[in-house]
């Protein structure tokens, strides 16, 4: 027997996309229905066809056959189907009673309209860095309706954008963001749009904090070379696990949040801390730097004390000072007279005599923890003593000549030592006043050196004077003479001489009251007698020994007078 079942339109309904078919079973009854418009689904192109409310004579002996209109069939009482293409489809349900024997086939049909929403798909990286651009590509989205699509992006951080298939986004804060893409095919229906979502992990780099930018330490022992490094103040906005890597700046490295390191020697080192959040992203690391200043305290050395002359340029050299690295110390000289100069080396001229304490001060240039160092140097600034010689310009051989060093004085009242040189090979150190007898006449240059005994180049002063020592001339009047009254008598001083070679003048005193100058003269006596003739020789030296005399006897007789007596 064949049973025909017809479905009337009032006996179907759609609930949430489920199309219910009702089959009314009656013996030899066939009914028809009219469907005014195609049915749609709230799920657009997804329909569930349900024949469970059909009237079945024998539920254990019935067969279902669905023809979904797009070439798809099914034998299940409830069928869920997604249409790939939009359009109207006639859905046919056939029920067969006693399918193994002669049965009755009942059919029901419905027309549905499938509305296929646009296909939404976009790609992007799963991870991004703050302040770095991330691209979202929706070129994989499409529509079966050949309509222009509109793209609405919601980036999950409070910002949204309508634009093209490719969007560029920069996140300013770290965190997890759900990015939603809505694609609309502009058909103005409930099935004109579709959404897709993706969670993006936005990473902020960790903040490395190695401590103070500069660590200063004055090295006095090996223990001062042991440095503790602490990265505990490093942070991460994403609360990621952090790894810590240290480069100590001396070729050695370490790991850990807190580490200690011993440097081999004092010096300046640039240590680096690298903090990684282990995400492997480009923004997964940050670095911080710390300058390690392990400095030894400088030691100032000024050099030996010095005696210099007033106005002389004095060199100050602190190059023998200990500075562990060139340029690591600030040097300043204080010259003791109110003036200063910077640098290990300097020059200075003192404008007054005296003893000055020059001070060299060294301070560590890079490490204020190291104490300054001072050294002093005594500078004795000397001005030469003043001296002159007082004494006669001329003197006679054999007599004592007195010399006096007056005034002779040192600028600072120091005791002087006197060195006399008389110019004839004789010298004396007996004091400021001396006497000396010259054995020979001549021109002598007397010198006096005074010494303030300070050992400076200007500790001595020298004075000079010229002295003429005269040797008396030697007068020689010749032999005694004898002649007669009225006769010319010749007198000659030709044998007189002057040991010094001085030019001599001659004066004759004839003993009869008359005188005459000249080396060789004649004289006529007017009477007879024995006369003492004196010769005075003068060398014109204006000394007490410039003259010499000699004498002779002139016997003058009356001449014989012949008398003729005639007898």
Protein backbone atom coordinates (compact mmCIF):
# COMPACT_ATOMS: atom_id res chain seq x y z
CA UNK A 1 0.00 0.00 0.00
CA UNK A 2 1.33 3.58 -0.83
CA UNK A 3 0.57 6.47 1.53
CA UNK A 4 0.61 10.00 0.15
CA UNK A 5 1.39 12.82 2.61
CA UNK A 6 0.97 16.47 1.69
CA UNK A 7 2.27 19.44 3.69
CA UNK A 8 0.15 22.54 4.03
CA UNK A 9 1.78 25.88 4.48
CA UNK A 10 0.25 26.70 7.81
CA UNK A 11 1.88 23.73 9.44
CA UNK A 12 5.55 24.88 9.03
CA UNK A 13 7.60 27.40 10.93
CA UNK A 14 11.25 28.54 11.27
CA UNK A 15 12.96 28.84 14.64
CA UNK A 16 16.54 30.12 14.66
CA UNK A 17 17.21 28.81 11.19
CA UNK A 18 15.42 25.43 11.68
CA UNK A 19 12.84 24.74 9.07
CA UNK A 20 10.20 22.36 10.47
CA UNK A 21 8.33 20.11 8.12
CA UNK A 22 4.99 18.55 9.22
CA UNK A 23 3.54 15.59 7.34
CA UNK A 24 -0.17 14.78 7.89
CA UNK A 25 -0.90 11.17 7.30
CA UNK A 26 -4.38 10.16 5.99
CA UNK A 27 -5.55 7.16 4.06
CA UNK A 28 -5.76 7.91 0.38
CA UNK A 29 -5.55 11.62 1.06
CA UNK A 30 -3.32 14.06 -0.95
CA UNK A 31 -3.05 17.78 -0.10
CA UNK A 32 -1.18 20.69 -1.74
CA UNK A 33 0.01 24.10 -0.42
CA UNK A 34 1.19 27.39 -1.80
CA UNK A 35 4.35 29.10 -0.42
CA UNK A 36 4.09 32.86 -0.98
CA UNK A 37 7.83 33.77 -0.62
CA UNK A 38 11.14 31.92 -0.24
CA UNK A 39 12.19 31.30 3.34
CA UNK A 40 15.44 32.78 4.78
CA UNK A 41 17.60 31.87 7.75
CA UNK A 42 18.94 34.10 10.49
CA UNK A 43 22.18 32.29 9.81
CA UNK A 44 22.08 33.48 6.22
CA UNK A 45 23.23 30.46 4.25
CA UNK A 46 23.00 27.90 7.03
CA UNK A 47 19.76 25.99 7.38
CA UNK A 48 18.60 23.13 9.55
CA UNK A 49 15.85 21.06 8.00
CA UNK A 50 13.87 19.08 10.58
CA UNK A 51 11.31 16.38 9.69
CA UNK A 52 10.84 15.18 13.24
CA UNK A 53 7.33 16.61 13.50
CA UNK A 54 6.09 14.70 10.49
CA UNK A 55 3.22 12.29 11.20
CA UNK A 56 4.62 8.84 10.89
CA UNK A 57 2.48 5.71 10.85
CA UNK A 58 5.28 3.50 11.94
CA UNK A 59 8.33 5.31 13.13
CA UNK A 60 10.27 2.10 12.99
CA UNK A 61 9.43 1.49 9.35
CA UNK A 62 9.95 4.81 7.54
CA UNK A 63 12.71 6.24 5.28
CA UNK A 64 13.68 9.91 4.90
CA UNK A 65 15.11 11.36 1.75
CA UNK A 66 16.14 14.96 1.43
CA UNK A 67 16.95 16.79 -1.79
CA UNK A 68 18.38 20.14 -0.73
CA UNK A 69 18.25 21.69 -4.15
CA UNK A 70 22.00 22.15 -4.73
CA UNK A 71 22.76 18.51 -5.45
CA UNK A 72 23.04 17.61 -1.80
CA UNK A 73 20.91 14.77 -0.38
CA UNK A 74 20.48 13.21 3.03
CA UNK A 75 18.59 10.32 4.68
CA UNK A 76 18.58 11.82 8.20
CA UNK A 77 15.42 13.17 9.80
CA UNK A 78 17.26 16.39 10.72
CA UNK A 79 19.73 17.92 8.30
CA UNK A 80 21.91 21.00 8.72
CA UNK A 81 23.29 22.40 5.49
CA UNK A 82 25.32 25.41 4.42
CA UNK A 83 24.80 26.71 0.90
CA UNK A 84 27.95 27.87 -0.72
CA UNK A 85 26.29 30.09 -3.28
CA UNK A 86 23.50 32.55 -2.77
CA UNK A 87 20.19 31.90 -4.41
CA UNK A 88 16.80 30.19 -4.10
CA UNK A 89 16.74 26.46 -3.57
CA UNK A 90 13.79 24.03 -3.57
CA UNK A 91 14.10 21.61 -0.71
CA UNK A 92 12.18 18.34 -1.08
CA UNK A 93 11.46 15.85 1.68
CA UNK A 94 10.25 12.38 0.74
CA UNK A 95 8.91 9.92 3.36
CA UNK A 96 8.53 6.28 2.43
CA UNK A 97 6.47 3.95 4.62
CA UNK A 98 7.64 0.36 4.67
CA UNK A 99 10.61 1.09 2.49
CA UNK A 100 11.50 -2.59 2.31
CA UNK A 101 8.15 -3.49 0.83
CA UNK A 102 5.50 -1.75 -1.09
CA UNK A 103 5.17 1.56 0.68
CA UNK A 104 3.62 4.96 0.31
CA UNK A 105 5.81 7.93 -0.62
CA UNK A 106 4.82 11.31 0.74
CA UNK A 107 6.63 14.50 -0.28
CA UNK A 108 6.89 18.06 0.92
CA UNK A 109 8.80 20.96 -0.65
CA UNK A 110 9.94 24.32 0.51
CA UNK A 111 11.78 27.08 -1.28
CA UNK A 112 14.58 28.75 0.67
CA UNK A 113 16.74 31.70 -0.18
CA UNK A 114 20.39 31.37 0.86
CA UNK A 115 22.09 34.65 1.67
CA UNK A 116 25.83 34.02 1.72
CA UNK A 117 27.64 36.62 3.88
CA UNK A 118 31.05 37.83 2.77
CA UNK A 119 34.01 35.64 3.62
CA UNK A 120 36.16 37.32 6.26
CA UNK A 121 39.81 36.51 6.60
CA UNK A 122 42.78 38.56 7.64
CA UNK A 123 46.37 37.85 8.50
CA UNK A 124 48.88 39.57 10.74
CA UNK A 125 51.68 38.72 13.03
CA UNK A 126 50.66 37.20 16.33
CA UNK A 127 53.08 39.47 18.18
CA UNK A 128 53.88 43.14 17.90
CA UNK A 129 56.09 45.67 19.61
CA UNK A 130 54.78 48.88 21.11
CA UNK A 131 55.37 51.90 18.92
CA UNK A 132 56.15 49.60 15.97
CA UNK A 133 53.82 49.30 12.99
CA UNK A 134 51.87 46.06 12.57
CA UNK A 135 50.10 45.33 9.26
CA UNK A 136 46.73 43.59 9.00
CA UNK A 137 45.95 42.10 5.59
CA UNK A 138 42.34 41.26 4.67
CA UNK A 139 42.96 40.57 0.98
CA UNK A 140 41.79 37.02 1.62
CA UNK A 141 38.26 38.29 2.32
CA UNK A 142 35.72 37.97 -0.52
CA UNK A 143 32.05 38.04 -1.44
CA UNK A 144 30.02 35.74 -3.73
CA UNK A 145 27.80 38.66 -4.67
CA UNK A 146 30.51 40.49 -6.58
CA UNK A 147 29.88 43.56 -4.53
CA UNK A 148 32.42 46.14 -3.29
CA UNK A 149 33.34 45.32 0.27
CA UNK A 150 33.74 47.71 3.11
CA UNK A 151 36.23 46.97 5.91
CA UNK A 152 35.79 48.00 9.52
CA UNK A 153 38.70 47.45 11.87
CA UNK A 154 38.40 47.47 15.67
CA UNK A 155 41.86 47.14 17.19
CA UNK A 156 40.69 46.40 20.70
CA UNK A 157 42.51 49.33 22.30
CA UNK A 158 39.68 51.82 21.93
CA UNK A 159 40.60 52.78 18.39
CA UNK A 160 38.77 51.78 15.21
CA UNK A 161 39.19 52.54 11.56
CA UNK A 162 37.29 52.10 8.29
CA UNK A 163 39.50 51.62 5.35
CA UNK A 164 41.01 49.33 2.83
CA UNK A 165 41.93 45.69 2.92
CA UNK A 166 45.33 46.44 4.47
CA UNK A 167 45.57 48.41 7.70
CA UNK A 168 48.61 49.61 9.59
CA UNK A 169 48.39 49.96 13.34
CA UNK A 170 50.81 51.07 16.05
CA UNK A 171 49.97 50.10 19.60
CA UNK A 172 51.15 52.49 22.29
CA UNK A 173 50.71 50.17 25.25
CA UNK A 174 51.65 46.60 25.97
CA UNK A 175 48.99 43.93 26.42
CA UNK A 176 46.70 41.48 24.64
CA UNK A 177 44.28 43.02 22.16
CA UNK A 178 41.41 41.35 20.27
CA UNK A 179 41.35 42.78 16.77
CA UNK A 180 37.98 42.49 15.05
CA UNK A 181 37.47 42.86 11.30
CA UNK A 182 33.95 43.38 9.99
CA UNK A 183 33.46 43.04 6.22
CA UNK A 184 30.23 44.41 4.71
CA UNK A 185 29.11 43.68 1.15
CA UNK A 186 26.68 46.64 1.31
CA UNK A 187 23.50 44.64 0.55
CA UNK A 188 21.89 46.21 3.60
CA UNK A 189 20.69 42.93 5.06
CA UNK A 190 21.41 41.01 8.16
CA UNK A 191 23.63 38.74 6.12
CA UNK A 192 25.55 41.52 4.44
CA UNK A 193 28.38 41.47 6.95
CA UNK A 194 30.64 39.04 8.65
CA UNK A 195 33.32 39.36 11.34
CA UNK A 196 36.60 37.72 12.25
CA UNK A 197 38.76 38.16 15.28
CA UNK A 198 42.36 37.61 16.25
CA UNK A 199 44.22 38.16 19.49
CA UNK A 200 47.44 40.13 19.20
CA UNK A 201 50.12 40.12 21.88
CA UNK A 202 51.73 43.56 22.03
CA UNK A 203 55.06 43.50 23.76
CA UNK A 204 56.85 46.40 25.43
CA UNK A 205 60.58 45.97 25.89
CA UNK A 206 61.75 45.55 29.46
CA UNK A 207 63.34 48.50 31.18
CA UNK A 208 66.89 47.71 32.16
CA UNK A 209 68.11 49.43 35.30
CA UNK A 210 71.71 48.74 36.28
CA UNK A 211 71.78 51.26 39.11
CA UNK A 212 73.48 54.64 39.26
CA UNK A 213 74.99 55.82 36.00
CA UNK A 214 78.42 56.18 37.59
CA UNK A 215 79.97 54.06 40.33
CA UNK A 216 82.94 55.72 41.99
CA UNK A 217 85.38 53.86 44.15
CA UNK A 218 88.83 54.79 45.39
CA UNK A 219 91.02 51.71 45.29
CA UNK A 220 93.16 51.28 48.37
CA UNK A 221 93.30 47.47 48.51
CA UNK A 222 92.35 44.38 46.51
CA UNK A 223 88.97 44.28 48.23
CA UNK A 224 88.06 47.58 46.60
CA UNK A 225 88.18 45.85 43.20
CA UNK A 226 85.16 43.66 44.08
CA UNK A 227 81.99 45.28 42.72
CA UNK A 228 78.36 44.26 43.31
CA UNK A 229 75.94 44.69 40.40
CA UNK A 230 72.18 44.74 41.00
CA UNK A 231 69.48 44.82 38.30
CA UNK A 232 66.58 44.50 40.76
CA UNK A 233 65.07 47.79 39.67
CA UNK A 234 64.61 46.53 36.10
CA UNK A 235 60.93 46.18 35.12
CA UNK A 236 58.73 44.72 32.39
CA UNK A 237 55.31 46.15 31.45
CA UNK A 238 54.08 42.71 30.31
CA UNK A 239 55.24 41.03 33.54
CA UNK A 240 57.29 38.61 31.45
CA UNK A 241 60.03 36.52 32.96
CA UNK A 242 63.32 38.34 32.57
CA UNK A 243 66.86 37.20 31.92
CA UNK A 244 69.85 39.36 32.88
CA UNK A 245 73.18 39.48 31.06
CA UNK A 246 76.17 41.55 32.23
CA UNK A 247 79.22 42.72 30.32
CA UNK A 248 81.66 44.08 32.88
CA UNK A 249 83.73 46.03 30.37
CA UNK A 250 86.96 44.12 31.01
CA UNK A 251 86.31 41.24 28.65
CA UNK A 252 84.37 39.17 31.18
CA UNK A 253 80.62 38.55 31.35
CA UNK A 254 78.04 37.30 33.84
CA UNK A 255 74.37 36.36 34.23
CA UNK A 256 71.83 37.00 36.92
CA UNK A 257 69.77 39.69 38.57
CA UNK A 258 72.45 40.26 41.20
CA UNK A 259 76.10 39.42 40.54
CA UNK A 260 79.53 40.32 41.89
CA UNK A 261 82.67 40.81 39.83
CA UNK A 262 86.29 41.37 40.76
CA UNK A 263 88.31 43.58 38.44
CA UNK A 264 91.95 42.74 37.99
CA UNK A 265 93.19 46.30 38.27
CA UNK A 266 92.07 49.86 38.83
CA UNK A 267 90.77 51.72 35.83
CA UNK A 268 87.69 53.04 34.11
CA UNK A 269 85.23 50.46 32.79
CA UNK A 270 81.92 50.71 30.94
CA UNK A 271 79.64 47.91 32.16
CA UNK A 272 76.51 46.95 30.21
CA UNK A 273 73.34 45.29 31.45
CA UNK A 274 71.11 43.61 28.85
CA UNK A 275 67.65 42.55 30.05
CA UNK A 276 65.62 40.15 27.86
CA UNK A 277 61.96 39.20 28.29
CA UNK A 278 62.61 35.91 26.39
CA UNK A 279 59.86 36.60 23.80
CA UNK A 280 62.39 36.63 21.01
CA UNK A 281 60.83 39.75 19.52
CA UNK A 282 62.74 42.67 18.17
CA UNK A 283 61.61 44.58 21.24
CA UNK A 284 62.44 41.87 23.70
CA UNK A 285 65.59 43.50 25.08
CA UNK A 286 66.77 46.70 26.68
CA UNK A 287 70.20 47.81 27.82
CA UNK A 288 71.54 50.07 30.53
CA UNK A 289 75.04 51.25 31.12
CA UNK A 290 77.06 52.03 34.18
CA UNK A 291 80.47 53.67 34.28
CA UNK A 292 82.79 52.02 36.77
CA UNK A 293 85.49 54.37 38.05
CA UNK A 294 88.03 52.41 40.06
CA UNK A 295 90.66 55.03 40.65
CA UNK A 296 93.73 55.11 42.83
CA UNK A 297 94.36 58.28 44.77
CA UNK A 298 97.01 60.50 43.18
CA UNK A 299 100.28 61.25 44.99
CA UNK A 300 101.75 64.72 44.51
CA UNK A 301 105.51 65.10 44.19
CA UNK A 302 106.92 68.61 43.74
CA UNK A 303 110.65 67.90 43.52
CA UNK A 304 113.59 69.38 45.42
CA UNK A 305 113.76 72.78 47.06
CA UNK A 306 115.46 75.44 44.96
CA UNK A 307 117.33 78.72 45.30
CA UNK A 308 116.66 81.13 42.45
CA UNK A 309 117.30 84.73 41.62
CA UNK A 310 114.79 87.50 41.76
CA UNK A 311 112.99 87.80 38.42
CA UNK A 312 114.29 84.45 37.22
CA UNK A 313 111.75 82.11 35.56
CA UNK A 314 111.28 79.15 37.89
CA UNK A 315 110.11 75.83 36.50
CA UNK A 316 107.70 73.71 38.53
CA UNK A 317 107.39 70.12 37.38
CA UNK A 318 105.06 67.66 39.07
CA UNK A 319 105.54 64.97 36.42
CA UNK A 320 107.01 62.61 39.00
CA UNK A 321 103.68 62.62 40.83
CA UNK A 322 101.75 59.36 40.76
CA UNK A 323 98.61 59.43 38.65
CA UNK A 324 97.34 55.96 37.73
CA UNK A 325 96.28 57.15 34.27
CA UNK A 326 97.43 60.22 32.31
CA UNK A 327 94.88 62.98 32.51
CA UNK A 328 93.07 61.41 35.46
CA UNK A 329 94.03 64.13 37.95
CA UNK A 330 93.49 67.86 38.25
CA UNK A 331 96.73 69.61 39.24
CA UNK A 332 97.14 73.09 40.69
CA UNK A 333 100.23 74.92 41.85
CA UNK A 334 100.09 77.58 44.55
CA UNK A 335 103.36 79.50 44.44
CA UNK A 336 103.18 80.97 47.94
CA UNK A 337 102.98 84.58 46.79
CA UNK A 338 99.23 84.63 46.18
CA UNK A 339 99.36 83.37 42.59
CA UNK A 340 98.37 79.95 41.20
CA UNK A 341 98.56 77.96 37.97
CA UNK A 342 96.83 74.82 36.72
CA UNK A 343 98.64 71.77 35.38
CA UNK A 344 101.43 69.46 36.46
CA UNK A 345 104.00 71.75 34.84
CA UNK A 346 104.16 75.50 35.27
CA UNK A 347 106.59 78.43 35.34
CA UNK A 348 106.58 81.46 37.59
CA UNK A 349 108.63 84.59 38.28
CA UNK A 350 108.79 85.97 41.80
CA UNK A 351 108.79 89.76 42.09
CA UNK A 352 110.30 89.97 45.56
CA UNK A 353 112.97 88.11 47.47
CA UNK A 354 112.16 85.73 50.26
CA UNK A 355 111.37 82.11 51.00
CA UNK A 356 108.13 80.82 49.50
CA UNK A 357 106.35 77.52 50.00
CA UNK A 358 105.07 76.27 46.65
CA UNK A 359 102.25 73.71 46.99
CA UNK A 360 101.14 71.16 44.38
CA UNK A 361 97.60 69.81 44.91
CA UNK A 362 96.32 66.81 42.95
CA UNK A 363 92.65 65.84 42.84
CA UNK A 364 91.17 62.83 41.07
CA UNK A 365 89.42 64.05 37.95
CA UNK A 366 86.94 61.20 37.75
CA UNK A 367 86.50 60.03 41.32
CA UNK A 368 85.53 62.37 44.09
CA UNK A 369 85.89 59.53 46.58
CA UNK A 370 89.66 59.65 46.30
CA UNK A 371 91.30 62.18 48.64
CA UNK A 372 93.43 64.96 47.23
CA UNK A 373 97.22 64.90 47.64
CA UNK A 374 99.55 67.82 48.51
CA UNK A 375 103.30 68.26 48.42
CA UNK A 376 105.41 71.35 49.09
CA UNK A 377 108.63 72.79 47.79
CA UNK A 378 110.67 75.59 49.34
CA UNK A 379 111.71 78.28 46.87
CA UNK A 380 114.39 80.66 48.12
CA UNK A 381 114.23 83.78 45.99
CA UNK A 382 117.48 85.70 46.25
CA UNK A 383 118.54 89.10 45.02
CA UNK A 384 122.27 89.70 44.54
CA UNK A 385 124.14 91.59 47.33
CA UNK A 386 125.34 95.11 46.69
CA UNK A 387 129.02 95.98 47.05
CA UNK A 388 131.58 98.64 46.15
CA UNK A 389 135.27 99.20 47.04
CA UNK A 390 136.59 102.22 48.77
CA UNK A 391 140.32 102.85 48.54
CA UNK A 392 142.93 105.23 47.09
CA UNK A 393 143.42 105.52 43.38
CA UNK A 394 147.20 105.74 43.79
CA UNK A 395 149.71 104.51 46.32
CA UNK A 396 153.39 103.86 46.66
CA UNK A 397 155.15 100.60 46.36
CA UNK A 398 155.93 99.06 49.68
CA UNK A 399 153.43 101.04 51.66
CA UNK A 400 150.21 99.51 53.06
CA UNK A 401 147.07 100.36 51.13
CA UNK A 402 143.74 100.16 52.93
CA UNK A 403 140.59 98.86 51.17
CA UNK A 404 137.05 98.87 52.51
CA UNK A 405 133.97 97.00 51.09
CA UNK A 406 131.42 99.65 51.82
CA UNK A 407 128.54 99.56 51.55
CA UNK A 408 128.24 95.80 51.27
CA UNK A 409 124.94 94.21 52.24
CA UNK A 410 122.61 91.31 51.34
CA UNK A 411 118.99 92.04 50.47
CA UNK A 412 117.73 89.88 53.32
CA UNK A 413 120.51 90.74 55.79
CA UNK A 414 122.35 87.47 55.30
CA UNK A 415 126.01 87.31 56.39
CA UNK A 416 128.42 87.91 53.54
CA UNK A 417 131.73 86.37 52.77
CA UNK A 418 134.47 88.50 51.15
CA UNK A 419 136.99 87.41 48.55
CA UNK A 420 139.66 90.05 47.77
CA UNK A 421 142.02 89.90 44.84
CA UNK A 422 144.64 92.63 44.82
CA UNK A 423 145.70 92.15 41.24
CA UNK A 424 149.31 91.25 42.01
CA UNK A 425 148.64 87.57 42.70
CA UNK A 426 147.80 88.15 46.32
CA UNK A 427 144.30 87.60 47.76
CA UNK A 428 142.53 87.76 51.09
CA UNK A 429 139.32 86.54 52.78
CA UNK A 430 139.87 88.40 56.00
CA UNK A 431 136.75 90.55 55.91
CA UNK A 432 135.21 93.68 54.58
CA UNK A 433 138.28 95.84 55.38
CA UNK A 434 141.78 94.80 54.36
CA UNK A 435 145.26 96.27 53.79
CA UNK A 436 147.92 95.28 51.34
CA UNK A 437 151.42 96.46 50.37
CA UNK A 438 152.48 96.25 46.74
CA UNK A 439 156.10 95.39 46.13
CA UNK A 440 156.19 96.76 42.63
CA UNK A 441 154.74 99.75 40.99
CA UNK A 442 152.24 99.46 38.20
CA UNK A 443 148.56 99.57 37.36
CA UNK A 444 146.53 97.04 39.33
CA UNK A 445 142.85 96.00 39.12
CA UNK A 446 141.53 95.17 42.55
CA UNK A 447 138.42 92.97 42.69
CA UNK A 448 136.11 92.03 45.52
CA UNK A 449 133.57 89.19 45.39
CA UNK A 450 130.95 89.05 48.12
CA UNK A 451 128.87 85.88 48.65
CA UNK A 452 125.63 85.59 50.64
CA UNK A 453 126.34 81.82 50.87
CA UNK A 454 122.85 80.78 49.62
CA UNK A 455 124.18 78.92 46.65
CA UNK A 456 121.99 80.69 44.08
CA UNK A 457 123.28 82.02 40.79
CA UNK A 458 122.83 85.49 42.18
CA UNK A 459 124.42 84.88 45.55
CA UNK A 460 127.59 86.76 44.60
CA UNK A 461 128.38 90.29 43.55
CA UNK A 462 131.68 91.67 42.29
CA UNK A 463 133.20 95.13 42.54
CA UNK A 464 136.33 96.44 40.89
CA UNK A 465 138.67 99.40 41.23
CA UNK A 466 141.88 100.46 39.49
CA UNK A 467 144.93 101.29 41.54
CA UNK A 468 148.20 102.82 40.39
CA UNK A 469 151.21 101.84 42.56
CA UNK A 470 154.07 104.19 42.05
CA UNK A 471 157.81 103.41 42.40
CA UNK A 472 159.85 106.52 43.24
CA UNK A 473 162.24 107.73 40.50
CA UNK A 474 165.96 107.38 41.03
CA UNK A 475 167.87 110.70 40.81
CA UNK A 476 171.53 110.69 39.74
CA UNK A 477 173.22 114.13 39.73
CA UNK A 478 176.51 112.78 38.47
CA UNK A 479 180.06 113.27 39.80
CA UNK A 480 181.34 116.22 41.76
CA UNK A 481 182.49 119.15 39.67
CA UNK A 482 185.35 121.64 39.96
CA UNK A 483 186.08 124.73 37.90
CA UNK A 484 186.84 128.40 38.13
CA UNK A 485 184.72 131.39 38.68
CA UNK A 486 183.12 132.55 35.51
CA UNK A 487 183.43 129.24 33.75
CA UNK A 488 180.48 127.20 32.42
CA UNK A 489 180.10 124.04 34.43
CA UNK A 490 178.05 121.20 32.84
CA UNK A 491 175.54 119.32 35.02
CA UNK A 492 173.80 116.16 33.69
CA UNK A 493 171.03 113.96 35.17
CA UNK A 494 171.40 111.46 32.36
CA UNK A 495 171.88 108.56 34.73
CA UNK A 496 168.61 109.27 36.54
CA UNK A 497 165.75 106.86 35.79
CA UNK A 498 162.16 105.86 36.73
CA UNK A 499 161.43 102.11 37.30
CA UNK A 500 157.81 102.67 36.23
CA UNK A 501 158.90 104.36 33.04
CA UNK A 502 157.21 107.58 34.02
CA UNK A 503 158.19 110.79 32.26
CA UNK A 504 160.54 112.70 34.59
CA UNK A 505 161.12 116.35 35.21
CA UNK A 506 164.46 117.64 36.54
CA UNK A 507 165.15 120.58 38.85
CA UNK A 508 168.73 121.74 39.69
CA UNK A 509 169.52 123.79 42.76
CA UNK A 510 173.09 125.10 42.31
CA UNK A 511 173.55 126.14 45.94
CA UNK A 512 174.21 129.79 45.07
CA UNK A 513 170.55 130.70 45.10
CA UNK A 514 169.87 129.91 41.47
CA UNK A 515 167.90 127.00 40.01
CA UNK A 516 167.35 125.57 36.60
CA UNK A 517 165.21 122.79 35.02
CA UNK A 518 166.41 120.31 32.55
CA UNK A 519 168.07 117.02 32.22
CA UNK A 520 171.37 118.59 31.26
CA UNK A 521 172.23 122.19 32.14
CA UNK A 522 175.26 124.52 32.52
CA UNK A 523 175.87 127.03 35.22
CA UNK A 524 178.43 129.83 35.80
CA UNK A 525 179.34 130.67 39.32
CA UNK A 526 180.19 134.29 40.08
CA UNK A 527 182.39 133.61 43.07
CA UNK A 528 184.55 130.97 44.38
CA UNK A 529 183.29 128.56 46.96
CA UNK A 530 182.30 125.00 47.46
CA UNK A 531 178.65 124.61 46.53
CA UNK A 532 176.18 121.72 47.24
CA UNK A 533 174.30 121.16 44.01
CA UNK A 534 170.95 119.26 44.45
CA UNK A 535 169.04 117.46 41.69
CA UNK A 536 165.32 116.76 42.25
CA UNK A 537 163.67 114.28 39.88
CA UNK A 538 159.80 114.28 39.69
CA UNK A 539 157.71 111.51 38.02
CA UNK A 540 154.47 113.54 38.31
CA UNK A 541 152.51 110.68 39.91
CA UNK A 542 151.20 112.97 42.58
CA UNK A 543 152.09 110.48 45.21
CA UNK A 544 154.19 110.79 48.25
CA UNK A 545 156.87 108.86 46.45
CA UNK A 546 156.90 110.85 43.23
CA UNK A 547 160.26 112.60 43.92
CA UNK A 548 163.85 111.66 44.36
CA UNK A 549 166.98 113.81 45.01
CA UNK A 550 170.69 113.50 44.55
CA UNK A 551 173.51 116.01 45.15
CA UNK A 552 177.06 116.67 44.21
CA UNK A 553 179.79 119.16 45.28
CA UNK A 554 180.92 121.88 42.97
CA UNK A 555 184.29 123.45 43.90
CA UNK A 556 184.70 126.87 42.32
CA UNK A 557 188.06 128.59 42.57
CA UNK A 558 189.20 131.95 41.57
CA UNK A 559 191.01 131.90 38.31
CA UNK A 560 194.74 132.76 38.30
CA UNK A 561 195.42 136.26 37.12
CA UNK A 562 198.70 136.92 35.54
CA UNK A 563 200.40 140.09 36.73
CA UNK A 564 203.21 141.49 34.87
CA UNK A 565 205.47 143.66 36.90
CA UNK A 566 207.98 145.66 35.01
CA UNK A 567 210.90 146.63 36.84
